Amino acid sequence: MAVSLSSYLAEKVTLIEKNLLPALEKEGVPPTLYDSMAYSLMAGGKRLRPVLVLAVLEALDKPVERGIPYAVALEMIHTYSLIHDDLPAMDNDDLRRGKPTNHKVFGEATAILAGDALLTRAFGYIADAYLHHPEVSPQTVVKLIAELGKRAGARGMVGGQMADIEGEGRSLTMNELEYIHQHKTGDLLIASLLGGGLLAEASEEQLEALSHYGRCIGLAFQIQDDILNVEGSAELLGKAVGSDADRRKATYPALLGLQASKERLAALIAEAKATLEAAGLGHSALMPLADYVMERKK
């Protein structure tokens, strides 16, 4: 990359964040519900999923502006999932990104409804934003919605969350653990990459490479999360460390040990980068973004 990854991320995150609030419906929405949605949507974070959309468009020499509506919708879905994950019935967390979780500020009922509203708005926003877009065909919009619905739903992120809940307090095999994280974390990352690919008119071979890259960094992302929950900094993470062990959650360090988890993490990142090279995408920001997944501290 001609610029540093930190500069690249700062530029893309700024672009994404200035488009988040305008995408929310405000007129006719109860003020408390709107405030709850906006509170979590604008609470910061890595914005990795929307950045991946824009990085794919750049890699395939298409304008990043084409991907902004889809990137914003992805961040709405990711935010809804965090609001619901933090609820007492799920992970029961008090902090998210160093701030009180949504239900701690607005109450459980409002937090649930804010998540519901973000999820449904995401799909409506994709349809609205691309309805008369000169560079995005109706067929592409249908493919975007179908792919995102699959990756975010019962066969994807939600199914992974269900398997995670059912796995608490019992011993899991490596296959069971990787099923959880391929879906709970990996599917929305794959949706980011494939969405960017569809918007960039990628070939079938390029879409397959992006999907494989996504599977690798999705597992790597979760392994790094598990490692940080053991040896990370609560101040940097913005939430408590050691919470996975307290809840007897199945994690890579618990199953493999810390050192073997780090080796598995490095191998997945190497595989992700090799996949990009083979697909002719080794010049793109997707390469250092893979390293970022492994090296991040929060």
Protein backbone atom coordinates (compact mmCIF):
# COMPACT_ATOMS: atom_id res chain seq x y z
CA MET A 1 0.00 0.00 0.00
CA ALA A 2 1.15 3.53 -0.77
CA VAL A 3 -0.21 4.79 2.54
CA SER A 4 0.00 3.21 5.97
CA LEU A 5 -2.77 0.89 7.09
CA SER A 6 -3.60 3.20 10.00
CA SER A 7 -4.09 6.12 7.59
CA TYR A 8 -6.11 3.92 5.25
CA LEU A 9 -8.40 2.77 8.07
CA ALA A 10 -8.81 6.30 9.41
CA GLU A 11 -9.82 7.57 5.96
CA LYS A 12 -12.31 4.77 5.32
CA VAL A 13 -13.79 4.83 8.82
CA THR A 14 -14.37 8.59 8.54
CA LEU A 15 -16.14 8.06 5.20
CA ILE A 16 -18.33 5.31 6.63
CA GLU A 17 -19.20 7.09 9.86
CA LYS A 18 -20.39 10.26 8.17
CA ASN A 19 -22.95 8.13 6.31
CA LEU A 20 -24.31 6.15 9.29
CA LEU A 21 -26.69 8.58 11.01
CA PRO A 22 -28.16 9.92 7.75
CA ALA A 23 -29.15 6.35 6.88
CA LEU A 24 -31.33 6.01 9.98
CA GLU A 25 -34.99 6.92 9.70
CA LYS A 26 -35.85 9.64 12.22
CA GLU A 27 -39.18 11.10 11.15
CA GLY A 28 -42.03 9.09 12.63
CA VAL A 29 -39.70 7.05 14.87
CA PRO A 30 -40.24 7.26 18.65
CA PRO A 31 -37.38 9.44 19.97
CA THR A 32 -36.23 6.90 22.58
CA LEU A 33 -35.98 4.19 19.94
CA TYR A 34 -34.04 6.46 17.58
CA ASP A 35 -31.69 7.52 20.39
CA SER A 36 -31.06 3.89 21.32
CA MET A 37 -30.29 2.93 17.72
CA ALA A 38 -28.01 5.92 17.24
CA TYR A 39 -26.24 5.36 20.57
CA SER A 40 -24.92 1.94 19.55
CA LEU A 41 -24.48 2.68 15.85
CA MET A 42 -22.22 5.64 16.65
CA ALA A 43 -20.40 4.04 19.61
CA GLY A 44 -17.20 3.58 17.60
CA GLY A 45 -15.50 0.30 16.82
CA LYS A 46 -13.24 -1.04 14.11
CA ARG A 47 -15.83 -0.78 11.29
CA LEU A 48 -13.98 -3.73 9.73
CA ARG A 49 -16.95 -5.11 7.81
CA PRO A 50 -17.78 -1.92 5.92
CA VAL A 51 -14.07 -1.25 5.34
CA LEU A 52 -13.80 -4.66 3.67
CA VAL A 53 -16.60 -3.73 1.25
CA LEU A 54 -14.74 -0.61 0.17
CA ALA A 55 -11.39 -2.44 0.00
CA VAL A 56 -12.82 -5.00 -2.44
CA LEU A 57 -14.19 -2.26 -4.69
CA GLU A 58 -10.79 -0.56 -4.70
CA ALA A 59 -9.02 -3.85 -5.38
CA LEU A 60 -11.18 -4.33 -8.48
CA ASP A 61 -10.77 -0.70 -9.65
CA LYS A 62 -14.32 0.39 -8.92
CA PRO A 63 -15.37 3.58 -7.06
CA VAL A 64 -15.74 3.07 -3.31
CA GLU A 65 -18.83 5.30 -3.29
CA ARG A 66 -20.73 2.47 -4.96
CA GLY A 67 -20.31 0.36 -1.83
CA ILE A 68 -21.25 2.88 0.85
CA PRO A 69 -24.96 1.98 1.16
CA TYR A 70 -24.16 -1.71 1.48
CA ALA A 71 -21.32 -0.96 3.91
CA VAL A 72 -23.66 1.13 6.08
CA ALA A 73 -26.28 -1.62 6.06
CA LEU A 74 -23.67 -4.15 7.17
CA GLU A 75 -22.69 -1.94 10.10
CA MET A 76 -26.35 -1.69 11.12
CA ILE A 77 -26.62 -5.48 11.18
CA HIS A 78 -23.35 -5.86 13.06
CA THR A 79 -24.51 -3.26 15.60
CA TYR A 80 -27.85 -5.00 16.11
CA SER A 81 -26.02 -8.26 16.78
CA LEU A 82 -23.84 -6.60 19.43
CA ILE A 83 -26.83 -5.01 21.17
CA HIS A 84 -28.54 -8.39 21.39
CA ASP A 85 -25.34 -10.28 22.33
CA ASP A 86 -24.87 -7.97 25.31
CA LEU A 87 -28.34 -8.59 26.75
CA PRO A 88 -28.71 -10.40 30.10
CA ALA A 89 -30.26 -13.41 28.35
CA MET A 90 -27.20 -13.71 26.12
CA ASP A 91 -23.70 -12.60 27.23
CA ASN A 92 -24.93 -10.24 29.97
CA ASP A 93 -22.24 -7.60 29.39
CA ASP A 94 -22.17 -4.18 31.02
CA LEU A 95 -19.60 -2.57 28.72
CA ARG A 96 -19.16 -2.38 24.97
CA ARG A 97 -16.32 -0.33 23.46
CA GLY A 98 -15.70 1.22 26.86
CA LYS A 99 -19.26 2.51 27.19
CA PRO A 100 -22.30 1.13 29.01
CA THR A 101 -24.12 -1.41 26.85
CA ASN A 102 -27.37 -0.37 25.23
CA HIS A 103 -29.64 -2.12 27.69
CA LYS A 104 -27.79 -0.51 30.61
CA VAL A 105 -28.66 2.92 29.21
CA PHE A 106 -32.09 2.39 27.66
CA GLY A 107 -33.41 -0.77 29.31
CA GLU A 108 -33.77 -4.28 27.95
CA ALA A 109 -37.02 -3.80 26.02
CA THR A 110 -35.74 -0.73 24.17
CA ALA A 111 -32.41 -2.45 23.42
CA ILE A 112 -34.22 -5.42 21.87
CA LEU A 113 -36.36 -3.13 19.74
CA ALA A 114 -33.36 -1.02 18.71
CA GLY A 115 -31.65 -4.17 17.46
CA ASP A 116 -34.80 -5.23 15.61
CA ALA A 117 -35.10 -1.79 14.01
CA LEU A 118 -31.45 -1.71 12.88
CA LEU A 119 -31.77 -5.16 11.31
CA THR A 120 -34.90 -4.33 9.34
CA ARG A 121 -33.66 -0.86 8.35
CA ALA A 122 -30.50 -2.42 6.91
CA PHE A 123 -32.39 -4.36 4.26
CA GLY A 124 -34.73 -1.50 3.49
CA TYR A 125 -31.79 0.86 3.14
CA ILE A 126 -30.05 -1.38 0.60
CA ALA A 127 -33.22 -1.44 -1.50
CA ASP A 128 -33.82 2.31 -1.16
CA ALA A 129 -30.24 3.38 -1.85
CA TYR A 130 -29.74 1.22 -4.93
CA LEU A 131 -33.26 1.52 -6.37
CA HIS A 132 -32.25 3.96 -9.11
CA HIS A 133 -28.46 3.61 -8.90
CA PRO A 134 -26.95 4.04 -12.40
CA GLU A 135 -24.12 1.55 -11.80
CA VAL A 136 -25.92 -1.20 -9.84
CA SER A 137 -28.45 -3.41 -11.59
CA PRO A 138 -31.67 -4.64 -9.94
CA GLN A 139 -30.29 -8.19 -10.24
CA THR A 140 -27.23 -7.19 -8.22
CA VAL A 141 -29.44 -5.63 -5.53
CA VAL A 142 -31.45 -8.85 -5.25
CA LYS A 143 -28.21 -10.86 -4.97
CA LEU A 144 -26.92 -8.50 -2.25
CA ILE A 145 -30.08 -8.84 -0.18
CA ALA A 146 -30.23 -12.62 -0.64
CA GLU A 147 -26.56 -13.12 0.29
CA LEU A 148 -26.78 -10.84 3.32
CA GLY A 149 -30.02 -12.47 4.48
CA LYS A 150 -28.39 -15.90 4.31
CA ARG A 151 -25.16 -14.84 6.03
CA ALA A 152 -26.88 -12.87 8.79
CA GLY A 153 -29.72 -15.31 9.45
CA ALA A 154 -30.44 -18.76 10.86
CA ARG A 155 -27.93 -20.49 8.56
CA GLY A 156 -25.32 -17.84 9.32
CA MET A 157 -24.62 -15.42 12.15
CA VAL A 158 -27.78 -16.14 14.16
CA GLY A 159 -27.28 -19.89 13.83
CA GLY A 160 -23.70 -19.49 15.03
CA GLN A 161 -24.92 -17.54 18.04
CA MET A 162 -27.42 -20.30 18.85
CA ALA A 163 -24.71 -22.95 18.66
CA ASP A 164 -22.51 -20.79 20.88
CA ILE A 165 -25.22 -20.57 23.55
CA GLU A 166 -25.84 -24.33 23.41
CA GLY A 167 -22.11 -24.96 23.69
CA GLU A 168 -21.63 -23.04 26.94
CA GLY A 169 -20.59 -25.17 29.87
CA ARG A 170 -19.77 -28.31 27.88
CA SER A 171 -16.76 -29.68 26.02
CA LEU A 172 -16.78 -29.06 22.28
CA THR A 173 -14.81 -30.66 19.49
CA MET A 174 -12.70 -28.48 17.20
CA ASN A 175 -15.29 -29.00 14.42
CA GLU A 176 -18.07 -27.77 16.70
CA LEU A 177 -16.05 -24.76 17.79
CA GLU A 178 -15.14 -23.82 14.23
CA TYR A 179 -18.79 -24.22 13.16
CA ILE A 180 -19.74 -21.65 15.78
CA HIS A 181 -17.16 -19.13 14.68
CA GLN A 182 -17.47 -19.70 10.94
CA HIS A 183 -21.08 -18.62 11.32
CA LYS A 184 -21.15 -16.30 14.34
CA THR A 185 -18.19 -14.21 13.14
CA GLY A 186 -17.11 -15.39 9.72
CA ASP A 187 -20.37 -15.21 7.79
CA LEU A 188 -20.82 -11.45 8.15
CA LEU A 189 -17.20 -10.92 7.08
CA ILE A 190 -17.83 -13.11 4.02
CA ALA A 191 -21.00 -11.10 3.32
CA SER A 192 -18.86 -7.95 3.36
CA LEU A 193 -16.39 -9.36 0.86
CA LEU A 194 -18.93 -10.97 -1.45
CA GLY A 195 -21.10 -7.86 -1.36
CA GLY A 196 -18.12 -5.77 -2.40
CA GLY A 197 -17.36 -8.32 -5.09
CA LEU A 198 -20.90 -8.28 -6.47
CA LEU A 199 -20.92 -4.48 -6.53
CA ALA A 200 -17.55 -4.54 -8.31
CA GLU A 201 -18.77 -7.08 -10.90
CA ALA A 202 -16.16 -9.62 -9.81
CA SER A 203 -15.71 -12.89 -11.69
CA GLU A 204 -16.83 -16.19 -10.20
CA GLU A 205 -13.18 -17.06 -9.51
CA GLN A 206 -12.65 -13.76 -7.70
CA LEU A 207 -15.83 -14.24 -5.65
CA GLU A 208 -14.65 -17.71 -4.60
CA ALA A 209 -11.26 -16.31 -3.60
CA LEU A 210 -12.93 -13.54 -1.59
CA SER A 211 -15.16 -16.11 0.13
CA HIS A 212 -12.17 -18.29 1.07
CA TYR A 213 -10.24 -15.26 2.30
CA GLY A 214 -13.30 -14.37 4.40
CA ARG A 215 -13.51 -17.85 5.93
CA CYS A 216 -9.84 -17.63 6.93
CA ILE A 217 -9.96 -14.16 8.45
CA GLY A 218 -13.29 -14.94 10.13
CA LEU A 219 -11.76 -17.81 12.09
CA ALA A 220 -8.60 -15.78 12.65
CA PHE A 221 -10.63 -12.86 13.99
CA GLN A 222 -12.33 -15.10 16.55
CA ILE A 223 -9.07 -16.79 17.60
CA GLN A 224 -7.56 -13.36 18.22
CA ASP A 225 -10.68 -12.37 20.18
CA ASP A 226 -10.26 -15.49 22.32
CA ILE A 227 -6.56 -14.75 22.85
CA LEU A 228 -7.28 -11.15 23.82
CA ASN A 229 -9.91 -12.35 26.29
CA VAL A 230 -7.11 -14.25 28.02
CA GLU A 231 -4.18 -11.87 27.83
CA GLY A 232 -5.52 -8.59 26.47
CA SER A 233 -6.01 -5.25 28.18
CA ALA A 234 -9.47 -4.42 29.52
CA GLU A 235 -8.68 -0.75 28.91
CA LEU A 236 -7.94 -1.35 25.22
CA LEU A 237 -10.72 -3.88 24.70
CA GLY A 238 -13.34 -1.68 26.32
CA LYS A 239 -14.79 -4.71 28.13
CA ALA A 240 -13.75 -7.18 30.81
CA VAL A 241 -11.09 -9.80 30.09
CA GLY A 242 -11.48 -13.35 31.38
CA SER A 243 -15.24 -13.30 30.79
CA ASP A 244 -15.15 -16.34 28.48
CA ALA A 245 -13.58 -18.50 31.18
CA ASP A 246 -16.06 -17.18 33.76
CA ARG A 247 -18.96 -18.30 31.56
CA ARG A 248 -17.19 -21.58 30.68
CA LYS A 249 -17.40 -20.71 26.99
CA ALA A 250 -15.63 -22.90 24.48
CA THR A 251 -12.64 -21.01 23.08
CA TYR A 252 -9.54 -21.80 21.06
CA PRO A 253 -7.15 -21.31 24.02
CA ALA A 254 -9.34 -23.56 26.18
CA LEU A 255 -9.33 -26.28 23.52
CA LEU A 256 -5.87 -25.93 21.98
CA GLY A 257 -3.86 -23.95 24.52
CA LEU A 258 -2.60 -20.41 24.05
CA GLN A 259 0.52 -21.17 21.98
CA ALA A 260 -1.24 -23.54 19.59
CA SER A 261 -4.01 -20.97 19.17
CA LYS A 262 -1.45 -18.38 18.13
CA GLU A 263 0.05 -20.82 15.63
CA ARG A 264 -3.40 -21.59 14.17
CA LEU A 265 -4.05 -17.85 13.91
CA ALA A 266 -0.82 -17.25 11.98
CA ALA A 267 -1.52 -20.17 9.63
CA LEU A 268 -4.99 -18.85 8.79
CA ILE A 269 -3.65 -15.38 8.00
CA ALA A 270 -0.96 -16.89 5.76
CA GLU A 271 -3.63 -18.93 3.94
CA ALA A 272 -5.83 -15.84 3.52
CA LYS A 273 -2.97 -13.86 1.98
CA ALA A 274 -1.94 -16.74 -0.31
CA THR A 275 -5.53 -16.90 -1.58
CA LEU A 276 -5.42 -13.21 -2.49
CA GLU A 277 -2.08 -13.62 -4.28
CA ALA A 278 -3.41 -16.52 -6.33
CA ALA A 279 -6.45 -14.45 -7.35
CA GLY A 280 -4.35 -11.47 -8.45
CA LEU A 281 -5.47 -9.35 -5.49
CA GLY A 282 -2.15 -9.27 -3.65
CA HIS A 283 -1.72 -5.57 -4.45
CA SER A 284 -4.80 -4.55 -2.48
CA ALA A 285 -5.50 -3.30 1.03
CA LEU A 286 -6.99 -6.72 1.76
CA MET A 287 -3.44 -7.99 2.38
CA PRO A 288 -2.55 -5.68 5.30
CA LEU A 289 -6.14 -5.95 6.55
CA ALA A 290 -5.49 -9.67 7.06
CA ASP A 291 -2.45 -8.81 9.19
CA TYR A 292 -4.57 -6.30 11.10
CA VAL A 293 -6.99 -9.08 12.10
CA MET A 294 -4.08 -10.96 13.69
CA GLU A 295 -2.22 -8.01 15.21
CA ARG A 296 -5.08 -5.94 16.64
CA LYS A 297 -5.20 -5.37 20.38
CA LYS A 298 -8.92 -4.64 20.65
